[in-house]
Amino acid sequence: MAHTYLARDRTRGLDWAFKRLNDEIMELRMAVEKGKKREISAESADVFAWLTSVSNLVEIDLESASYEKYGNGCSKCQQIPCSCPMKRG
């Protein structure tokens, strides 16, 4: 994503990238509500792309950050699968 979009993202700025990420999250929600797997897949990819753009703009390697936090299982109980008690909120 950085090779493809980082120069443009820097020009547009972090606020723009956050706006696009939020827009795509809403589009993903609507796709999930419709239950159409093809749309859910496309919108999930868009959310991932904009999350990656935000991460790139603040110089965070999203893959490394994800592995550091979740590479050993659940970030709270360190189990695979997670054995934390279920909470609903």
PDB file of N, CA and C in Angstrom:
ATOM      1  N   MET A   1       0.823  -1.182   0.000  1.00  0.00           N
ATOM      2  CA  MET A   1       0.000   0.000   0.000  1.00  0.00           C
ATOM      3  C   MET A   1       0.872   1.253   0.000  1.00  0.00           C
ATOM      4  N   ALA A   2       1.969   1.204   0.728  1.00  0.00           N
ATOM      5  CA  ALA A   2       2.845   2.380   0.770  1.00  0.00           C
ATOM      6  C   ALA A   2       3.405   2.685  -0.614  1.00  0.00           C
ATOM      7  N   HIS A   3       3.818   1.643  -1.343  1.00  0.00           N
ATOM      8  CA  HIS A   3       4.361   1.870  -2.691  1.00  0.00           C
ATOM      9  C   HIS A   3       3.311   2.488  -3.607  1.00  0.00           C
ATOM     10  N   THR A   4       2.078   2.084  -3.432  1.00  0.00           N
ATOM     11  CA  THR A   4       1.007   2.544  -4.318  1.00  0.00           C
ATOM     12  C   THR A   4       0.460   3.905  -3.917  1.00  0.00           C
ATOM     13  N   TYR A   5       0.270   4.132  -2.604  1.00  0.00           N
ATOM     14  CA  TYR A   5      -0.508   5.298  -2.176  1.00  0.00           C
ATOM     15  C   TYR A   5       0.163   6.289  -1.228  1.00  0.00           C
ATOM     16  N   LEU A   6       1.305   5.971  -0.638  1.00  0.00           N
ATOM     17  CA  LEU A   6       1.844   6.829   0.418  1.00  0.00           C
ATOM     18  C   LEU A   6       2.095   8.260  -0.041  1.00  0.00           C
ATOM     19  N   ALA A   7       2.623   8.448  -1.228  1.00  0.00           N
ATOM     20  CA  ALA A   7       2.883   9.816  -1.707  1.00  0.00           C
ATOM     21  C   ALA A   7       1.573  10.610  -1.794  1.00  0.00           C
ATOM     22  N   ARG A   8       0.529   9.984  -2.339  1.00  0.00           N
ATOM     23  CA  ARG A   8      -0.771  10.661  -2.425  1.00  0.00           C
ATOM     24  C   ARG A   8      -1.359  10.892  -1.033  1.00  0.00           C
ATOM     25  N   ASP A   9      -1.236   9.885  -0.165  1.00  0.00           N
ATOM     26  CA  ASP A   9      -1.789  10.014   1.191  1.00  0.00           C
ATOM     27  C   ASP A   9      -1.113  11.148   1.952  1.00  0.00           C
ATOM     28  N   ARG A  10       0.187  11.300   1.771  1.00  0.00           N
ATOM     29  CA  ARG A  10       0.883  12.403   2.436  1.00  0.00           C
ATOM     30  C   ARG A  10       0.346  13.752   1.957  1.00  0.00           C
ATOM     31  N   THR A  11       0.062  13.851   0.673  1.00  0.00           N
ATOM     32  CA  THR A  11      -0.484  15.094   0.119  1.00  0.00           C
ATOM     33  C   THR A  11      -1.869  15.378   0.677  1.00  0.00           C
ATOM     34  N   ARG A  12      -2.697  14.344   0.773  1.00  0.00           N
ATOM     35  CA  ARG A  12      -4.070  14.520   1.261  1.00  0.00           C
ATOM     36  C   ARG A  12      -4.129  14.677   2.770  1.00  0.00           C
ATOM     37  N   GLY A  13      -3.209  14.051   3.491  1.00  0.00           N
ATOM     38  CA  GLY A  13      -3.114  14.227   4.932  1.00  0.00           C
ATOM     39  C   GLY A  13      -3.840  13.180   5.761  1.00  0.00           C
ATOM     40  N   LEU A  14      -3.495  13.182   7.037  1.00  0.00           N
ATOM     41  CA  LEU A  14      -4.017  12.204   7.985  1.00  0.00           C
ATOM     42  C   LEU A  14      -5.522  12.371   8.204  1.00  0.00           C
ATOM     43  N   ASP A  15      -6.002  13.602   8.296  1.00  0.00           N
ATOM     44  CA  ASP A  15      -7.445  13.812   8.486  1.00  0.00           C
ATOM     45  C   ASP A  15      -8.239  13.197   7.343  1.00  0.00           C
ATOM     46  N   TRP A  16      -7.753  13.363   6.109  1.00  0.00           N
ATOM     47  CA  TRP A  16      -8.422  12.776   4.952  1.00  0.00           C
ATOM     48  C   TRP A  16      -8.447  11.256   5.055  1.00  0.00           C
ATOM     49  N   ALA A  17      -7.307  10.673   5.436  1.00  0.00           N
ATOM     50  CA  ALA A  17      -7.231   9.215   5.538  1.00  0.00           C
ATOM     51  C   ALA A  17      -8.193   8.697   6.603  1.00  0.00           C
ATOM     52  N   PHE A  18      -8.303   9.394   7.733  1.00  0.00           N
ATOM     53  CA  PHE A  18      -9.256   8.991   8.770  1.00  0.00           C
ATOM     54  C   PHE A  18     -10.696   9.109   8.284  1.00  0.00           C
ATOM     55  N   LYS A  19     -10.982  10.161   7.536  1.00  0.00           N
ATOM     56  CA  LYS A  19     -12.332  10.315   6.997  1.00  0.00           C
ATOM     57  C   LYS A  19     -12.666   9.160   6.072  1.00  0.00           C
ATOM     58  N   ARG A  20     -11.744   8.827   5.196  1.00  0.00           N
ATOM     59  CA  ARG A  20     -11.974   7.710   4.270  1.00  0.00           C
ATOM     60  C   ARG A  20     -12.117   6.391   5.019  1.00  0.00           C
ATOM     61  N   LEU A  21     -11.291   6.181   6.058  1.00  0.00           N
ATOM     62  CA  LEU A  21     -11.409   4.964   6.862  1.00  0.00           C
ATOM     63  C   LEU A  21     -12.795   4.886   7.494  1.00  0.00           C
ATOM     64  N   ASN A  22     -13.255   5.975   8.077  1.00  0.00           N
ATOM     65  CA  ASN A  22     -14.587   5.992   8.685  1.00  0.00           C
ATOM     66  C   ASN A  22     -15.674   5.742   7.651  1.00  0.00           C
ATOM     67  N   ASP A  23     -15.551   6.357   6.482  1.00  0.00           N
ATOM     68  CA  ASP A  23     -16.526   6.123   5.407  1.00  0.00           C
ATOM     69  C   ASP A  23     -16.577   4.642   5.029  1.00  0.00           C
ATOM     70  N   GLU A  24     -15.408   4.042   4.903  1.00  0.00           N
ATOM     71  CA  GLU A  24     -15.353   2.634   4.501  1.00  0.00           C
ATOM     72  C   GLU A  24     -15.896   1.712   5.587  1.00  0.00           C
ATOM     73  N   ILE A  25     -15.693   2.068   6.852  1.00  0.00           N
ATOM     74  CA  ILE A  25     -16.261   1.267   7.939  1.00  0.00           C
ATOM     75  C   ILE A  25     -17.788   1.297   7.852  1.00  0.00           C
ATOM     76  N   MET A  26     -18.350   2.457   7.570  1.00  0.00           N
ATOM     77  CA  MET A  26     -19.806   2.555   7.421  1.00  0.00           C
ATOM     78  C   MET A  26     -20.288   1.742   6.214  1.00  0.00           C
ATOM     79  N   GLU A  27     -19.546   1.776   5.121  1.00  0.00           N
ATOM     80  CA  GLU A  27     -19.910   0.978   3.958  1.00  0.00           C
ATOM     81  C   GLU A  27     -19.833  -0.513   4.272  1.00  0.00           C
ATOM     82  N   LEU A  28     -18.842  -0.913   5.067  1.00  0.00           N
ATOM     83  CA  LEU A  28     -18.733  -2.311   5.489  1.00  0.00           C
ATOM     84  C   LEU A  28     -19.936  -2.699   6.345  1.00  0.00           C
ATOM     85  N   ARG A  29     -20.321  -1.820   7.254  1.00  0.00           N
ATOM     86  CA  ARG A  29     -21.490  -2.102   8.093  1.00  0.00           C
ATOM     87  C   ARG A  29     -22.735  -2.322   7.231  1.00  0.00           C
ATOM     88  N   MET A  30     -22.937  -1.459   6.249  1.00  0.00           N
ATOM     89  CA  MET A  30     -24.105  -1.603   5.365  1.00  0.00           C
ATOM     90  C   MET A  30     -24.033  -2.909   4.573  1.00  0.00           C
ATOM     91  N   ALA A  31     -22.852  -3.280   4.120  1.00  0.00           N
ATOM     92  CA  ALA A  31     -22.685  -4.534   3.382  1.00  0.00           C
ATOM     93  C   ALA A  31     -23.000  -5.730   4.279  1.00  0.00           C
ATOM     94  N   VAL A  32     -22.553  -5.672   5.530  1.00  0.00           N
ATOM     95  CA  VAL A  32     -22.837  -6.762   6.475  1.00  0.00           C
ATOM     96  C   VAL A  32     -24.340  -6.852   6.723  1.00  0.00           C
ATOM     97  N   GLU A  33     -24.987  -5.714   6.880  1.00  0.00           N
ATOM     98  CA  GLU A  33     -26.436  -5.710   7.102  1.00  0.00           C
ATOM     99  C   GLU A  33     -27.187  -6.308   5.915  1.00  0.00           C
ATOM    100  N   LYS A  34     -26.697  -6.088   4.697  1.00  0.00           N
ATOM    101  CA  LYS A  34     -27.311  -6.677   3.506  1.00  0.00           C
ATOM    102  C   LYS A  34     -27.034  -8.177   3.417  1.00  0.00           C
ATOM    103  N   GLY A  35     -25.919  -8.603   4.032  1.00  0.00           N
ATOM    104  CA  GLY A  35     -25.557 -10.009   4.018  1.00  0.00           C
ATOM    105  C   GLY A  35     -24.996 -10.501   2.700  1.00  0.00           C
ATOM    106  N   LYS A  36     -24.477  -9.593   1.893  1.00  0.00           N
ATOM    107  CA  LYS A  36     -23.932  -9.982   0.594  1.00  0.00           C
ATOM    108  C   LYS A  36     -22.421 -10.151   0.703  1.00  0.00           C
ATOM    109  N   LYS A  37     -22.008 -11.415   0.632  1.00  0.00           N
ATOM    110  CA  LYS A  37     -20.606 -11.751   0.875  1.00  0.00           C
ATOM    111  C   LYS A  37     -19.642 -11.024  -0.054  1.00  0.00           C
ATOM    112  N   ARG A  38     -19.999 -10.872  -1.313  1.00  0.00           N
ATOM    113  CA  ARG A  38     -19.112 -10.199  -2.276  1.00  0.00           C
ATOM    114  C   ARG A  38     -18.888  -8.742  -1.865  1.00  0.00           C
ATOM    115  N   GLU A  39     -19.957  -8.047  -1.453  1.00  0.00           N
ATOM    116  CA  GLU A  39     -19.834  -6.657  -0.997  1.00  0.00           C
ATOM    117  C   GLU A  39     -19.057  -6.574   0.308  1.00  0.00           C
ATOM    118  N   ILE A  40     -19.304  -7.519   1.210  1.00  0.00           N
ATOM    119  CA  ILE A  40     -18.578  -7.549   2.486  1.00  0.00           C
ATOM    120  C   ILE A  40     -17.084  -7.715   2.223  1.00  0.00           C
ATOM    121  N   SER A  41     -16.745  -8.595   1.302  1.00  0.00           N
ATOM    122  CA  SER A  41     -15.343  -8.821   0.950  1.00  0.00           C
ATOM    123  C   SER A  41     -14.699  -7.546   0.405  1.00  0.00           C
ATOM    124  N   ALA A  42     -15.381  -6.883  -0.518  1.00  0.00           N
ATOM    125  CA  ALA A  42     -14.832  -5.662  -1.126  1.00  0.00           C
ATOM    126  C   ALA A  42     -14.683  -4.553  -0.092  1.00  0.00           C
ATOM    127  N   GLU A  43     -15.674  -4.377   0.755  1.00  0.00           N
ATOM    128  CA  GLU A  43     -15.604  -3.312   1.763  1.00  0.00           C
ATOM    129  C   GLU A  43     -14.573  -3.634   2.845  1.00  0.00           C
ATOM    130  N   SER A  44     -14.415  -4.910   3.181  1.00  0.00           N
ATOM    131  CA  SER A  44     -13.372  -5.306   4.139  1.00  0.00           C
ATOM    132  C   SER A  44     -11.995  -4.941   3.603  1.00  0.00           C
ATOM    133  N   ALA A  45     -11.784  -5.179   2.315  1.00  0.00           N
ATOM    134  CA  ALA A  45     -10.510  -4.816   1.694  1.00  0.00           C
ATOM    135  C   ALA A  45     -10.304  -3.307   1.727  1.00  0.00           C
ATOM    136  N   ASP A  46     -11.369  -2.536   1.505  1.00  0.00           N
ATOM    137  CA  ASP A  46     -11.252  -1.077   1.557  1.00  0.00           C
ATOM    138  C   ASP A  46     -10.909  -0.593   2.962  1.00  0.00           C
ATOM    139  N   VAL A  47     -11.547  -1.186   3.980  1.00  0.00           N
ATOM    140  CA  VAL A  47     -11.237  -0.814   5.370  1.00  0.00           C
ATOM    141  C   VAL A  47      -9.768  -1.115   5.656  1.00  0.00           C
ATOM    142  N   PHE A  48      -9.322  -2.294   5.256  1.00  0.00           N
ATOM    143  CA  PHE A  48      -7.928  -2.665   5.472  1.00  0.00           C
ATOM    144  C   PHE A  48      -6.982  -1.693   4.771  1.00  0.00           C
ATOM    145  N   ALA A  49      -7.317  -1.323   3.539  1.00  0.00           N
ATOM    146  CA  ALA A  49      -6.461  -0.409   2.776  1.00  0.00           C
ATOM    147  C   ALA A  49      -6.338   0.937   3.477  1.00  0.00           C
ATOM    148  N   TRP A  50      -7.458   1.495   3.934  1.00  0.00           N
ATOM    149  CA  TRP A  50      -7.403   2.807   4.586  1.00  0.00           C
ATOM    150  C   TRP A  50      -6.772   2.727   5.975  1.00  0.00           C
ATOM    151  N   LEU A  51      -6.954   1.615   6.691  1.00  0.00           N
ATOM    152  CA  LEU A  51      -6.265   1.437   7.967  1.00  0.00           C
ATOM    153  C   LEU A  51      -4.760   1.375   7.738  1.00  0.00           C
ATOM    154  N   THR A  52      -4.359   0.701   6.681  1.00  0.00           N
ATOM    155  CA  THR A  52      -2.947   0.635   6.322  1.00  0.00           C
ATOM    156  C   THR A  52      -2.419   2.015   5.960  1.00  0.00           C
ATOM    157  N   SER A  53      -3.216   2.795   5.241  1.00  0.00           N
ATOM    158  CA  SER A  53      -2.795   4.159   4.884  1.00  0.00           C
ATOM    159  C   SER A  53      -2.597   5.020   6.118  1.00  0.00           C
ATOM    160  N   VAL A  54      -3.529   4.942   7.056  1.00  0.00           N
ATOM    161  CA  VAL A  54      -3.382   5.700   8.311  1.00  0.00           C
ATOM    162  C   VAL A  54      -2.108   5.262   9.017  1.00  0.00           C
ATOM    163  N   SER A  55      -1.896   3.965   9.113  1.00  0.00           N
ATOM    164  CA  SER A  55      -0.691   3.446   9.776  1.00  0.00           C
ATOM    165  C   SER A  55       0.575   3.922   9.082  1.00  0.00           C
ATOM    166  N   ASN A  56       0.575   3.902   7.766  1.00  0.00           N
ATOM    167  CA  ASN A  56       1.744   4.365   7.014  1.00  0.00           C
ATOM    168  C   ASN A  56       2.020   5.840   7.279  1.00  0.00           C
ATOM    169  N   LEU A  57       0.967   6.641   7.347  1.00  0.00           N
ATOM    170  CA  LEU A  57       1.147   8.079   7.567  1.00  0.00           C
ATOM    171  C   LEU A  57       1.762   8.391   8.933  1.00  0.00           C
ATOM    172  N   VAL A  58       1.519   7.536   9.913  1.00  0.00           N
ATOM    173  CA  VAL A  58       2.102   7.764  11.242  1.00  0.00           C
ATOM    174  C   VAL A  58       3.305   6.849  11.485  1.00  0.00           C
ATOM    175  N   GLU A  59       3.798   6.271  10.370  1.00  0.00           N
ATOM    176  CA  GLU A  59       5.019   5.460  10.369  1.00  0.00           C
ATOM    177  C   GLU A  59       4.940   4.252  11.299  1.00  0.00           C
ATOM    178  N   ILE A  60       3.800   3.556  11.237  1.00  0.00           N
ATOM    179  CA  ILE A  60       3.609   2.305  11.968  1.00  0.00           C
ATOM    180  C   ILE A  60       3.496   1.184  10.947  1.00  0.00           C
ATOM    181  N   ASP A  61       4.267   0.126  11.125  1.00  0.00           N
ATOM    182  CA  ASP A  61       4.160  -1.065  10.290  1.00  0.00           C
ATOM    183  C   ASP A  61       3.015  -1.896  10.864  1.00  0.00           C
ATOM    184  N   LEU A  62       1.878  -1.888  10.192  1.00  0.00           N
ATOM    185  CA  LEU A  62       0.667  -2.538  10.694  1.00  0.00           C
ATOM    186  C   LEU A  62       0.865  -4.034  10.896  1.00  0.00           C
ATOM    187  N   GLU A  63       1.568  -4.680   9.987  1.00  0.00           N
ATOM    188  CA  GLU A  63       1.811  -6.120  10.128  1.00  0.00           C
ATOM    189  C   GLU A  63       2.623  -6.402  11.392  1.00  0.00           C
ATOM    190  N   SER A  64       3.693  -5.655  11.608  1.00  0.00           N
ATOM    191  CA  SER A  64       4.525  -5.860  12.798  1.00  0.00           C
ATOM    192  C   SER A  64       3.755  -5.540  14.078  1.00  0.00           C
ATOM    193  N   ALA A  65       2.993  -4.455  14.057  1.00  0.00           N
ATOM    194  CA  ALA A  65       2.208  -4.072  15.236  1.00  0.00           C
ATOM    195  C   ALA A  65       1.179  -5.144  15.578  1.00  0.00           C
ATOM    196  N   SER A  66       0.538  -5.703  14.551  1.00  0.00           N
ATOM    197  CA  SER A  66      -0.458  -6.755  14.771  1.00  0.00           C
ATOM    198  C   SER A  66       0.191  -8.007  15.331  1.00  0.00           C
ATOM    199  N   TYR A  67       1.323  -8.384  14.762  1.00  0.00           N
ATOM    200  CA  TYR A  67       2.020  -9.568  15.247  1.00  0.00           C
ATOM    201  C   TYR A  67       2.508  -9.371  16.684  1.00  0.00           C
ATOM    202  N   GLU A  68       3.030  -8.181  16.972  1.00  0.00           N
ATOM    203  CA  GLU A  68       3.515  -7.904  18.329  1.00  0.00           C
ATOM    204  C   GLU A  68       2.391  -8.031  19.346  1.00  0.00           C
ATOM    205  N   LYS A  69       1.204  -7.549  19.007  1.00  0.00           N
ATOM    206  CA  LYS A  69       0.094  -7.573  19.959  1.00  0.00           C
ATOM    207  C   LYS A  69      -0.614  -8.925  20.004  1.00  0.00           C
ATOM    208  N   TYR A  70      -0.766  -9.588  18.854  1.00  0.00           N
ATOM    209  CA  TYR A  70      -1.576 -10.808  18.792  1.00  0.00           C
ATOM    210  C   TYR A  70      -0.819 -12.057  18.355  1.00  0.00           C
ATOM    211  N   GLY A  71       0.472 -11.958  18.138  1.00  0.00           N
ATOM    212  CA  GLY A  71       1.249 -13.084  17.632  1.00  0.00           C
ATOM    213  C   GLY A  71       1.321 -14.278  18.562  1.00  0.00           C
ATOM    214  N   ASN A  72       1.111 -14.050  19.844  1.00  0.00           N
ATOM    215  CA  ASN A  72       1.148 -15.142  20.810  1.00  0.00           C
ATOM    216  C   ASN A  72      -0.236 -15.519  21.301  1.00  0.00           C
ATOM    217  N   GLY A  73      -1.255 -15.124  20.561  1.00  0.00           N
ATOM    218  CA  GLY A  73      -2.625 -15.442  20.957  1.00  0.00           C
ATOM    219  C   GLY A  73      -3.348 -14.199  21.433  1.00  0.00           C
ATOM    220  N   CYS A  74      -4.356 -14.416  22.229  1.00  0.00           N
ATOM    221  CA  CYS A  74      -5.154 -13.319  22.757  1.00  0.00           C
ATOM    222  C   CYS A  74      -4.252 -12.330  23.498  1.00  0.00           C
ATOM    223  N   SER A  75      -4.486 -11.043  23.261  1.00  0.00           N
ATOM    224  CA  SER A  75      -3.634 -10.027  23.892  1.00  0.00           C
ATOM    225  C   SER A  75      -3.868  -9.926  25.400  1.00  0.00           C
ATOM    226  N   LYS A  76      -4.965 -10.504  25.895  1.00  0.00           N
ATOM    227  CA  LYS A  76      -5.232 -10.457  27.341  1.00  0.00           C
ATOM    228  C   LYS A  76      -4.856 -11.757  28.043  1.00  0.00           C
ATOM    229  N   CYS A  77      -5.374 -12.895  27.527  1.00  0.00           N
ATOM    230  CA  CYS A  77      -5.140 -14.172  28.214  1.00  0.00           C
ATOM    231  C   CYS A  77      -3.980 -14.970  27.617  1.00  0.00           C
ATOM    232  N   GLN A  78      -3.437 -14.531  26.475  1.00  0.00           N
ATOM    233  CA  GLN A  78      -2.345 -15.198  25.761  1.00  0.00           C
ATOM    234  C   GLN A  78      -2.679 -16.639  25.374  1.00  0.00           C
ATOM    235  N   GLN A  79      -3.946 -16.944  25.179  1.00  0.00           N
ATOM    236  CA  GLN A  79      -4.369 -18.285  24.792  1.00  0.00           C
ATOM    237  C   GLN A  79      -4.815 -18.309  23.333  1.00  0.00           C
ATOM    238  N   ILE A  80      -4.656 -19.488  22.703  1.00  0.00           N
ATOM    239  CA  ILE A  80      -5.174 -19.739  21.370  1.00  0.00           C
ATOM    240  C   ILE A  80      -5.978 -21.035  21.454  1.00  0.00           C
ATOM    241  N   PRO A  81      -7.291 -21.010  21.288  1.00  0.00           N
ATOM    242  CA  PRO A  81      -8.138 -19.828  21.126  1.00  0.00           C
ATOM    243  C   PRO A  81      -8.279 -19.069  22.437  1.00  0.00           C
ATOM    244  N   CYS A  82      -8.781 -17.865  22.319  1.00  0.00           N
ATOM    245  CA  CYS A  82      -8.991 -17.012  23.484  1.00  0.00           C
ATOM    246  C   CYS A  82      -9.884 -17.704  24.494  1.00  0.00           C
ATOM    247  N   SER A  83      -9.502 -17.604  25.775  1.00  0.00           N
ATOM    248  CA  SER A  83     -10.318 -18.192  26.841  1.00  0.00           C
ATOM    249  C   SER A  83     -10.859 -17.118  27.800  1.00  0.00           C
ATOM    250  N   CYS A  84     -10.821 -15.860  27.381  1.00  0.00           N
ATOM    251  CA  CYS A  84     -11.379 -14.783  28.195  1.00  0.00           C
ATOM    252  C   CYS A  84     -12.889 -14.981  28.348  1.00  0.00           C
ATOM    253  N   PRO A  85     -13.439 -14.579  29.488  1.00  0.00           N
ATOM    254  CA  PRO A  85     -14.902 -14.681  29.639  1.00  0.00           C
ATOM    255  C   PRO A  85     -15.593 -13.759  28.633  1.00  0.00           C
ATOM    256  N   MET A  86     -16.699 -14.234  28.112  1.00  0.00           N
ATOM    257  CA  MET A  86     -17.469 -13.442  27.152  1.00  0.00           C
ATOM    258  C   MET A  86     -18.147 -12.289  27.860  1.00  0.00           C
ATOM    259  N   LYS A  87     -18.032 -11.102  27.268  1.00  0.00           N
ATOM    260  CA  LYS A  87     -18.705  -9.910  27.793  1.00  0.00           C
ATOM    261  C   LYS A  87     -19.545  -9.333  26.676  1.00  0.00           C
ATOM    262  N   ARG A  88     -20.684  -8.860  27.012  1.00  0.00           N
ATOM    263  CA  ARG A  88     -21.519  -8.174  26.025  1.00  0.00           C
ATOM    264  C   ARG A  88     -21.709  -6.754  26.509  1.00  0.00           C
ATOM    265  N   GLY A  89     -21.597  -5.826  25.573  1.00  0.00           N
ATOM    266  CA  GLY A  89     -21.699  -4.450  26.003  1.00  0.00           C
ATOM    267  C   GLY A  89     -22.326  -3.630  25.038  1.00  0.00           C
TER     268      GLY A  89
END
